[in-house]
């Protein structure tokens, strides 16, 4: 897993412009590629219901975890989880909010006028990988213990893995690794890309799912969320040992 993660990070470092020269244009390659993955139809336009150019209040992003913590009993765990905090401060206090983003690019804390909206996340083996705001990718055929497969679970979490495979999943917990991120203060948006992980470990399956999330501050207390799951493998499904495929037909692998 460590070797695959290093290769994935190197691939994105080269692809997204982490390794760059001082002559980089105003819009970074990282930003351009993340926007390209979302597609033109999802970008800001004059007809968009979320026009950040007219949004009121302030939009701020912080990549340093600060108190108050989500749970004082799990400070070290949150330090392993935290990636960014996005805050909208509105002239009307009841329209202000603050969200915390985990390494997987998903929301694990949403504080608004009614307080914290997310569950307490104290279930054993499920810290911040189950009861959070995330995307998932499931293969309904393989995610079935009755299919005779020695694992029987094919459930890719954006957030990370369950902590139920001791000692490998013990603290510090392993969350889906971040691959890229970009925040544009003028557009009042942040984009995150991460390598989704099979939630049920140990497993014989390998995840090819890349999750891309965009959070955009529309003003007036409105947060726009856009989610895309990208196929990180262009191989034919017939070439992958994960699937029992009819080789007489060309079939594309999904996740």
Protein backbone atom coordinates (compact mmCIF):
# COMPACT_ATOMS: atom_id res chain seq x y z
CA UNK A 1 0.00 0.00 0.00
CA UNK A 2 2.83 2.41 0.86
CA UNK A 3 4.51 1.71 -2.47
CA UNK A 4 1.26 2.26 -4.38
CA UNK A 5 0.59 5.48 -2.47
CA UNK A 6 4.06 6.81 -3.32
CA UNK A 7 3.50 6.01 -7.00
CA UNK A 8 0.05 7.65 -6.93
CA UNK A 9 1.42 10.79 -5.27
CA UNK A 10 4.33 10.97 -7.73
CA UNK A 11 1.91 10.61 -10.63
CA UNK A 12 -0.22 13.48 -9.36
CA UNK A 13 2.83 15.54 -8.50
CA UNK A 14 3.92 15.36 -12.11
CA UNK A 15 0.40 15.65 -13.49
CA UNK A 16 -0.88 18.48 -11.33
CA UNK A 17 2.17 20.65 -11.33
CA UNK A 18 3.56 20.20 -7.83
CA UNK A 19 6.92 19.86 -9.60
CA UNK A 20 6.94 23.14 -11.50
CA UNK A 21 9.05 26.06 -12.59
CA UNK A 22 8.85 29.72 -11.47
CA UNK A 23 7.33 30.61 -14.86
CA UNK A 24 3.94 29.06 -13.96
CA UNK A 25 0.99 31.12 -15.24
CA UNK A 26 -1.57 32.83 -13.00
CA UNK A 27 -3.87 29.79 -13.10
CA UNK A 28 -1.82 26.83 -11.87
CA UNK A 29 -1.78 23.52 -13.71
CA UNK A 30 -3.21 21.96 -10.57
CA UNK A 31 -6.25 24.25 -10.68
CA UNK A 32 -6.71 23.80 -14.42
CA UNK A 33 -6.70 20.00 -14.30
CA UNK A 34 -9.05 19.83 -11.30
CA UNK A 35 -11.49 22.12 -13.12
CA UNK A 36 -11.11 20.04 -16.27
CA UNK A 37 -12.05 16.89 -14.33
CA UNK A 38 -15.22 18.63 -13.15
CA UNK A 39 -16.14 19.65 -16.67
CA UNK A 40 -17.22 22.99 -18.12
CA UNK A 41 -20.88 22.44 -17.24
CA UNK A 42 -20.03 22.48 -13.52
CA UNK A 43 -17.93 25.65 -13.56
CA UNK A 44 -19.14 29.10 -12.56
CA UNK A 45 -21.21 30.87 -15.23
CA UNK A 46 -23.50 33.88 -15.55
CA UNK A 47 -26.53 31.60 -15.35
CA UNK A 48 -25.31 29.69 -12.30
CA UNK A 49 -27.57 29.61 -9.27
CA UNK A 50 -24.40 30.10 -7.23
CA UNK A 51 -22.83 33.39 -8.25
CA UNK A 52 -19.87 33.87 -5.95
CA UNK A 53 -19.11 37.29 -7.43
CA UNK A 54 -22.18 38.76 -5.74
CA UNK A 55 -21.87 36.81 -2.49
CA UNK A 56 -21.98 38.80 0.72
CA UNK A 57 -19.88 38.22 3.83
CA UNK A 58 -16.36 36.81 3.97
CA UNK A 59 -14.84 33.53 2.77
CA UNK A 60 -11.76 32.18 4.55
CA UNK A 61 -9.72 28.95 4.40
CA UNK A 62 -7.37 27.66 7.09
CA UNK A 63 -5.09 24.63 6.76
CA UNK A 64 -4.12 24.61 10.44
CA UNK A 65 -6.34 22.80 12.96
CA UNK A 66 -7.32 25.04 15.85
CA UNK A 67 -9.53 24.71 18.92
CA UNK A 68 -12.34 24.16 19.57
CA UNK A 69 -11.88 20.56 18.46
CA UNK A 70 -14.65 18.31 17.22
CA UNK A 71 -14.30 16.18 20.36
CA UNK A 72 -11.87 16.93 23.19
CA UNK A 73 -11.48 13.18 23.78
CA UNK A 74 -10.21 12.61 20.22
CA UNK A 75 -7.78 15.48 19.61
CA UNK A 76 -4.92 13.30 18.31
CA UNK A 77 -7.30 11.47 16.00
CA UNK A 78 -8.62 14.74 14.58
CA UNK A 79 -5.07 15.97 14.04
CA UNK A 80 -4.51 12.91 11.82
CA UNK A 81 -7.79 13.53 10.01
CA UNK A 82 -7.86 17.31 9.49
CA UNK A 83 -6.98 18.90 6.15
CA UNK A 84 -8.76 22.26 5.90
CA UNK A 85 -11.42 24.49 7.44
CA UNK A 86 -13.68 26.66 5.26
CA UNK A 87 -15.66 29.45 6.91
CA UNK A 88 -18.38 31.81 5.69
CA UNK A 89 -18.99 34.77 7.98
CA UNK A 90 -22.21 36.53 7.02
CA UNK A 91 -23.56 39.98 7.98
CA UNK A 92 -26.55 38.02 9.24
CA UNK A 93 -25.07 35.66 11.89
CA UNK A 94 -27.73 32.98 11.34
CA UNK A 95 -26.33 32.51 7.81
CA UNK A 96 -22.74 31.90 8.89
CA UNK A 97 -21.19 28.42 8.83
CA UNK A 98 -17.87 26.62 9.11
CA UNK A 99 -16.97 23.22 7.66
CA UNK A 100 -13.95 21.01 8.30
CA UNK A 101 -12.56 18.88 5.51
CA UNK A 102 -10.78 15.57 6.14
CA UNK A 103 -7.83 14.25 4.16
CA UNK A 104 -10.27 12.48 1.84
CA UNK A 105 -11.76 15.83 0.81
CA UNK A 106 -15.06 15.10 2.59
CA UNK A 107 -16.89 17.09 5.26
CA UNK A 108 -16.57 15.72 8.79
CA UNK A 109 -17.78 18.81 10.67
CA UNK A 110 -20.50 21.31 9.76
CA UNK A 111 -21.14 24.06 12.29
CA UNK A 112 -24.02 26.45 11.58
CA UNK A 113 -26.59 28.44 13.55
CA UNK A 114 -27.89 25.27 15.24
CA UNK A 115 -24.39 24.08 16.18
CA UNK A 116 -22.61 20.92 15.02
CA UNK A 117 -24.67 19.04 12.41
CA UNK A 118 -22.53 15.88 12.21
CA UNK A 119 -22.93 12.81 14.47
CA UNK A 120 -20.56 12.39 17.46
CA UNK A 121 -18.49 9.66 15.74
CA UNK A 122 -17.74 7.58 18.80
CA UNK A 123 -18.64 4.15 17.42
CA UNK A 124 -15.75 1.72 17.85
CA UNK A 125 -13.83 1.15 14.63
CA UNK A 126 -15.71 3.83 12.69
CA UNK A 127 -14.08 7.12 13.68
CA UNK A 128 -14.82 9.68 10.97
CA UNK A 129 -15.11 7.13 8.16
CA UNK A 130 -18.79 6.22 8.31
CA UNK A 131 -21.02 8.90 9.84
CA UNK A 132 -19.60 11.75 7.76
CA UNK A 133 -20.61 13.61 4.60
CA UNK A 134 -18.83 11.62 1.89
CA UNK A 135 -19.21 9.88 -1.46
CA UNK A 136 -18.93 6.11 -1.85
CA UNK A 137 -18.49 3.72 -4.78
CA UNK A 138 -19.96 0.23 -4.47
CA UNK A 139 -19.81 -2.77 -6.78
CA UNK A 140 -23.18 -4.42 -6.08
CA UNK A 141 -21.99 -7.75 -7.51
CA UNK A 142 -18.75 -8.05 -5.56
CA UNK A 143 -20.09 -6.43 -2.39
CA UNK A 144 -21.91 -9.63 -1.48
CA UNK A 145 -20.59 -12.31 0.88
CA UNK A 146 -22.85 -14.84 -0.86
CA UNK A 147 -20.84 -14.60 -4.09
CA UNK A 148 -18.18 -16.95 -2.74
CA UNK A 149 -15.41 -14.39 -2.76
CA UNK A 150 -13.07 -14.68 0.26
CA UNK A 151 -13.65 -11.00 1.09
CA UNK A 152 -17.22 -10.26 0.03
CA UNK A 153 -16.93 -6.50 0.45
CA UNK A 154 -16.40 -3.95 -2.32
CA UNK A 155 -17.21 -0.59 -0.77
CA UNK A 156 -14.88 2.34 -1.53
CA UNK A 157 -15.08 5.20 0.97
CA UNK A 158 -14.02 8.73 0.20
CA UNK A 159 -13.14 9.21 3.87
CA UNK A 160 -10.99 6.17 4.64
CA UNK A 161 -10.96 2.67 6.15
CA UNK A 162 -12.68 1.18 9.18
CA UNK A 163 -10.38 0.73 12.17
CA UNK A 164 -11.14 -2.98 12.48
CA UNK A 165 -7.96 -4.64 11.20
CA UNK A 166 -5.63 -4.48 14.21
CA UNK A 167 -2.79 -3.78 14.44
CA UNK A 168 -2.66 -2.31 10.90
CA UNK A 169 -5.63 0.02 11.33
CA UNK A 170 -4.74 1.13 14.86
CA UNK A 171 -3.97 4.76 15.69
CA UNK A 172 -2.78 6.88 13.98
CA UNK A 173 -5.77 6.08 11.78
CA UNK A 174 -5.42 5.81 8.01
CA UNK A 175 -7.66 8.14 6.02
CA UNK A 176 -7.91 8.39 2.24
CA UNK A 177 -4.73 10.15 1.07
CA UNK A 178 -5.09 13.63 -0.43
CA UNK A 179 -3.71 13.93 -3.94
CA UNK A 180 -4.34 17.57 -4.84
CA UNK A 181 -6.15 20.67 -3.67
CA UNK A 182 -6.69 24.23 -4.82
CA UNK A 183 -8.55 27.20 -3.32
CA UNK A 184 -9.51 30.30 -5.29
CA UNK A 185 -10.48 33.18 -3.04
CA UNK A 186 -12.00 35.22 -5.89
CA UNK A 187 -14.27 32.34 -6.87
CA UNK A 188 -14.81 31.56 -3.18
CA UNK A 189 -14.22 27.87 -3.77
CA UNK A 190 -11.93 25.00 -2.82
CA UNK A 191 -11.34 21.76 -4.73
CA UNK A 192 -9.91 18.55 -3.29
CA UNK A 193 -8.84 15.27 -4.91
CA UNK A 194 -8.15 12.09 -2.94
CA UNK A 195 -7.51 8.38 -3.47
CA UNK A 196 -10.58 6.58 -2.10
CA UNK A 197 -9.98 3.44 -0.03
CA UNK A 198 -11.81 0.16 0.43
CA UNK A 199 -13.55 0.64 3.77
CA UNK A 200 -13.46 -3.04 4.76
CA UNK A 201 -9.89 -4.22 5.31
CA UNK A 202 -8.14 -6.49 4.89
CA UNK A 203 -9.14 -6.92 1.25
CA UNK A 204 -7.83 -8.41 -1.98
CA UNK A 205 -9.29 -5.56 -4.01
CA UNK A 206 -7.45 -2.41 -5.09
CA UNK A 207 -9.21 0.94 -5.33
CA UNK A 208 -8.90 2.96 -8.53
CA UNK A 209 -11.42 5.59 -7.39
CA UNK A 210 -10.28 9.21 -7.28
CA UNK A 211 -12.76 11.46 -5.49
CA UNK A 212 -13.00 15.12 -6.45
CA UNK A 213 -14.99 17.53 -4.30
CA UNK A 214 -15.68 21.22 -4.78
CA UNK A 215 -17.07 23.50 -2.08
CA UNK A 216 -18.24 26.95 -3.20
CA UNK A 217 -19.50 29.76 -1.01
CA UNK A 218 -22.57 31.23 -2.70
CA UNK A 219 -23.24 33.82 0.00
CA UNK A 220 -26.51 34.24 1.84
CA UNK A 221 -25.66 31.15 3.92
CA UNK A 222 -25.64 28.81 0.89
CA UNK A 223 -22.86 26.26 0.32
CA UNK A 224 -22.69 24.56 -3.09
CA UNK A 225 -21.17 21.07 -3.10
CA UNK A 226 -20.11 19.23 -6.27
CA UNK A 227 -18.83 15.64 -6.22
CA UNK A 228 -17.18 13.56 -8.96
CA UNK A 229 -15.75 10.04 -8.84
CA UNK A 230 -13.03 9.60 -11.44
CA UNK A 231 -11.90 6.26 -12.85
CA UNK A 232 -8.16 6.17 -12.18
CA UNK A 233 -7.60 3.13 -14.40
CA UNK A 234 -8.11 3.04 -18.16
CA UNK A 235 -7.69 -0.73 -18.44
CA UNK A 236 -10.45 -2.92 -19.78
CA UNK A 237 -12.44 -4.75 -17.16
CA UNK A 238 -11.57 -8.00 -18.89
CA UNK A 239 -7.92 -7.42 -17.95
CA UNK A 240 -8.59 -7.07 -14.23
CA UNK A 241 -8.59 -10.07 -11.93
CA UNK A 242 -11.24 -8.40 -9.73
CA UNK A 243 -14.01 -9.17 -12.22
CA UNK A 244 -15.55 -12.22 -13.79
CA UNK A 245 -16.05 -10.76 -17.27
CA UNK A 246 -17.41 -12.11 -20.53
CA UNK A 247 -14.27 -11.63 -22.67
CA UNK A 248 -16.29 -11.74 -25.86
CA UNK A 249 -17.42 -8.15 -25.21
CA UNK A 250 -15.33 -5.07 -24.53
CA UNK A 251 -16.35 -3.74 -21.16
CA UNK A 252 -14.99 -0.68 -19.39
CA UNK A 253 -13.89 -0.95 -15.78
CA UNK A 254 -15.64 1.52 -13.48
CA UNK A 255 -14.05 1.72 -10.02
